[in-house]
Amino acid sequence: MFHQYQGTPIVRDFNLYDSLMKVIIHQQLNMKFAFTLSTRFVQKYGEEVDGSWFYPEPETVAKLNYEDLRELQFSQRKAEYVIDTSKKIVDGDLDLQEISKLPTEDVMKRLGKVRGIGPWTVENWLLFALGRDDLFPAADIGIQNALKKWWQMDKKPSKDDVEKKAEEWTPYRSYAALTLWRSIED
């Protein structure tokens, strides 16, 4: 698979907050609807500059009501996670710049304490916001589906089986994850 999809790079998001919002919005959604939802969010509350759209500032999102996001088809909980996390950032209770400098395990603990941010969200934020080389979101459905296809299985492999196999790819598990996601894009 690595030869078939050579050179799959880690493409980092350029803004820590934007990346976190995108990952929260994408939680537990298929890619098509996740893209639709994040596009609605950005185009409703973000800013367009020279034809490019940018995520809204945390101060803008912190002022929203949950119903504002519900109108865009956010679930109640997802609306709460996005707005409440933005409020924590605005209030200074959550400093993404400070957290970004911590070792992976410490980031997992600190961000994981925020309501609505679990291991999958932290792992993907570490991968896409910080470009960490050795992350493997084994609970990700896309990764499980890619491995099911690659291993020619009848059903998706368990998270434990995926984690065990991924150990072989240390310290470059992020590249393995990206390659697996890329393998099911077709």
Protein backbone atom coordinates (compact mmCIF):
# COMPACT_ATOMS: atom_id res chain seq x y z
CA MET A 1 0.00 0.00 0.00
CA PHE A 2 2.87 2.39 0.78
CA HIS A 3 4.28 1.81 -2.70
CA GLN A 4 0.88 2.28 -4.31
CA TYR A 5 0.30 5.60 -2.49
CA GLN A 6 3.84 6.93 -2.33
CA GLY A 7 4.58 10.26 -0.77
CA THR A 8 1.37 10.81 1.16
CA PRO A 9 2.33 13.89 3.19
CA ILE A 10 1.06 15.26 6.46
CA VAL A 11 -0.65 18.49 5.46
CA ARG A 12 -1.00 20.68 8.51
CA ASP A 13 -3.80 23.12 9.11
CA PHE A 14 -2.33 26.58 9.58
CA ASN A 15 -4.47 27.56 12.58
CA LEU A 16 -4.78 25.57 15.82
CA TYR A 17 -8.32 26.77 16.59
CA ASP A 18 -9.60 26.19 13.06
CA SER A 19 -8.18 22.68 13.10
CA LEU A 20 -9.82 21.88 16.43
CA MET A 21 -13.19 23.16 15.23
CA LYS A 22 -12.91 21.12 12.04
CA VAL A 23 -12.06 17.95 13.96
CA ILE A 24 -14.93 18.49 16.42
CA ILE A 25 -17.36 19.11 13.57
CA HIS A 26 -16.15 15.99 11.75
CA GLN A 27 -16.60 13.70 14.77
CA GLN A 28 -18.77 10.66 14.03
CA LEU A 29 -19.85 11.86 10.58
CA ASN A 30 -19.24 10.49 7.13
CA MET A 31 -16.81 12.63 5.15
CA LYS A 32 -19.40 14.02 2.75
CA PHE A 33 -21.70 15.36 5.47
CA ALA A 34 -18.73 16.47 7.60
CA PHE A 35 -17.51 18.60 4.70
CA THR A 36 -21.02 19.98 4.14
CA LEU A 37 -21.42 20.87 7.81
CA SER A 38 -18.01 22.52 8.15
CA THR A 39 -18.58 24.44 4.90
CA ARG A 40 -21.91 25.76 6.18
CA PHE A 41 -20.27 26.79 9.45
CA VAL A 42 -17.39 28.59 7.76
CA GLN A 43 -19.56 30.33 5.16
CA LYS A 44 -22.12 31.46 7.75
CA TYR A 45 -19.75 32.67 10.49
CA GLY A 46 -16.29 32.85 8.90
CA GLU A 47 -14.75 35.32 6.53
CA GLU A 48 -14.04 35.28 2.82
CA VAL A 49 -10.80 36.91 1.71
CA ASP A 50 -9.94 37.01 -1.99
CA GLY A 51 -12.10 33.97 -2.72
CA SER A 52 -10.81 31.88 0.19
CA TRP A 53 -12.92 31.10 3.24
CA PHE A 54 -11.53 31.19 6.77
CA TYR A 55 -12.98 29.78 9.96
CA PRO A 56 -14.59 32.26 12.34
CA GLU A 57 -12.64 33.56 15.31
CA PRO A 58 -13.32 31.91 18.69
CA GLU A 59 -14.82 35.20 19.91
CA THR A 60 -17.45 35.02 17.16
CA VAL A 61 -18.35 31.40 17.89
CA ALA A 62 -18.43 31.95 21.67
CA LYS A 63 -21.23 34.49 21.19
CA LEU A 64 -23.46 32.08 19.25
CA ASN A 65 -26.46 30.28 20.67
CA TYR A 66 -26.73 26.52 20.24
CA GLU A 67 -29.80 27.08 18.06
CA ASP A 68 -27.66 29.09 15.60
CA LEU A 69 -25.70 25.93 14.82
CA ARG A 70 -28.76 23.67 15.02
CA GLU A 71 -30.14 25.67 12.06
CA LEU A 72 -27.10 24.46 10.07
CA GLN A 73 -27.96 20.83 10.99
CA PHE A 74 -25.52 20.48 13.87
CA SER A 75 -26.68 18.03 16.51
CA GLN A 76 -27.38 19.61 19.89
CA ARG A 77 -24.26 18.07 21.40
CA LYS A 78 -22.01 19.07 18.51
CA ALA A 79 -23.32 22.65 18.78
CA GLU A 80 -22.55 22.58 22.51
CA TYR A 81 -19.04 21.21 21.96
CA VAL A 82 -18.16 23.82 19.33
CA ILE A 83 -19.56 26.79 21.25
CA ASP A 84 -18.49 25.69 24.74
CA THR A 85 -14.94 24.91 23.58
CA SER A 86 -14.77 28.32 21.90
CA LYS A 87 -15.90 29.95 25.16
CA LYS A 88 -13.12 28.14 27.06
CA ILE A 89 -10.59 29.50 24.57
CA VAL A 90 -11.95 33.05 24.78
CA ASP A 91 -12.06 32.91 28.60
CA GLY A 92 -8.44 31.74 28.72
CA ASP A 93 -9.29 28.35 30.23
CA LEU A 94 -7.96 26.56 27.15
CA ASP A 95 -4.73 27.80 25.55
CA LEU A 96 -4.13 25.85 22.35
CA GLN A 97 -0.74 27.48 21.76
CA GLU A 98 0.47 26.36 25.19
CA ILE A 99 -1.01 22.87 24.79
CA SER A 100 0.59 22.48 21.35
CA LYS A 101 4.06 22.56 22.92
CA LEU A 102 3.38 19.63 25.25
CA PRO A 103 4.34 15.99 24.64
CA THR A 104 1.63 13.90 22.98
CA GLU A 105 0.53 12.12 26.17
CA ASP A 106 0.12 15.44 27.99
CA VAL A 107 -1.91 16.87 25.11
CA MET A 108 -4.13 13.77 25.24
CA LYS A 109 -4.75 14.37 28.96
CA ARG A 110 -5.26 18.14 28.80
CA LEU A 111 -7.48 18.32 25.72
CA GLY A 112 -9.24 15.10 26.67
CA LYS A 113 -10.64 16.81 29.77
CA VAL A 114 -12.71 19.16 27.62
CA ARG A 115 -16.31 18.02 27.20
CA GLY A 116 -16.82 16.65 23.69
CA ILE A 117 -13.13 16.05 23.01
CA GLY A 118 -12.15 12.40 23.19
CA PRO A 119 -9.14 10.40 22.01
CA TRP A 120 -10.13 10.42 18.31
CA THR A 121 -10.48 14.21 18.33
CA VAL A 122 -7.19 14.77 20.14
CA GLU A 123 -5.33 12.33 17.88
CA ASN A 124 -6.63 13.99 14.75
CA TRP A 125 -5.85 17.47 16.12
CA LEU A 126 -2.31 16.35 16.95
CA LEU A 127 -1.97 14.96 13.44
CA PHE A 128 -3.55 17.76 11.40
CA ALA A 129 -2.82 20.81 13.58
CA LEU A 130 0.59 19.86 14.92
CA GLY A 131 1.84 17.43 12.28
CA ARG A 132 2.97 14.82 14.80
CA ASP A 133 4.56 11.82 13.05
CA ASP A 134 3.46 8.98 15.30
CA LEU A 135 -0.32 9.06 15.73
CA PHE A 136 -2.75 6.39 14.71
CA PRO A 137 -6.48 6.91 15.38
CA ALA A 138 -7.29 3.20 15.53
CA ALA A 139 -10.94 3.86 16.37
CA ASP A 140 -11.42 5.75 13.09
CA ILE A 141 -14.00 4.05 10.87
CA GLY A 142 -12.13 5.02 7.70
CA ILE A 143 -8.93 3.41 8.91
CA GLN A 144 -10.82 0.29 9.98
CA ASN A 145 -12.56 0.12 6.59
CA ALA A 146 -9.26 0.55 4.75
CA LEU A 147 -7.68 -2.26 6.74
CA LYS A 148 -10.73 -4.46 6.22
CA LYS A 149 -10.33 -3.96 2.48
CA TRP A 150 -6.53 -4.35 2.53
CA TRP A 151 -6.66 -7.48 4.71
CA GLN A 152 -9.64 -8.84 2.71
CA MET A 153 -11.76 -9.35 5.81
CA ASP A 154 -15.52 -9.90 5.99
CA LYS A 155 -15.91 -7.39 8.81
CA LYS A 156 -13.96 -4.46 10.17
CA PRO A 157 -11.01 -5.36 12.40
CA SER A 158 -11.29 -4.54 16.09
CA LYS A 159 -9.65 -1.45 17.52
CA ASP A 160 -7.29 -3.73 19.48
CA ASP A 161 -6.24 -5.59 16.31
CA VAL A 162 -5.67 -2.29 14.54
CA GLU A 163 -3.60 -0.88 17.42
CA LYS A 164 -1.51 -4.06 17.60
CA LYS A 165 -0.72 -3.95 13.87
CA ALA A 166 -0.01 -0.22 13.98
CA GLU A 167 2.76 -0.78 16.54
CA GLU A 168 4.86 -2.12 13.66
CA TRP A 169 4.66 1.29 11.98
CA THR A 170 6.08 3.24 14.92
CA PRO A 171 7.47 5.98 14.79
CA TYR A 172 5.64 6.86 11.55
CA ARG A 173 2.09 5.77 12.28
CA SER A 174 0.71 9.12 11.09
CA TYR A 175 1.91 8.33 7.57
CA ALA A 176 0.31 4.90 7.80
CA ALA A 177 -3.00 6.49 8.84
CA LEU A 178 -2.86 8.99 5.97
CA THR A 179 -2.01 6.24 3.48
CA LEU A 180 -4.91 4.11 4.71
CA TRP A 181 -7.36 7.03 4.43
CA ARG A 182 -6.02 7.81 0.96
CA SER A 183 -6.50 4.18 -0.11
CA ILE A 184 -10.29 4.41 0.33
CA GLU A 185 -10.77 7.82 -1.32
CA ASP A 186 -11.39 6.27 -4.73
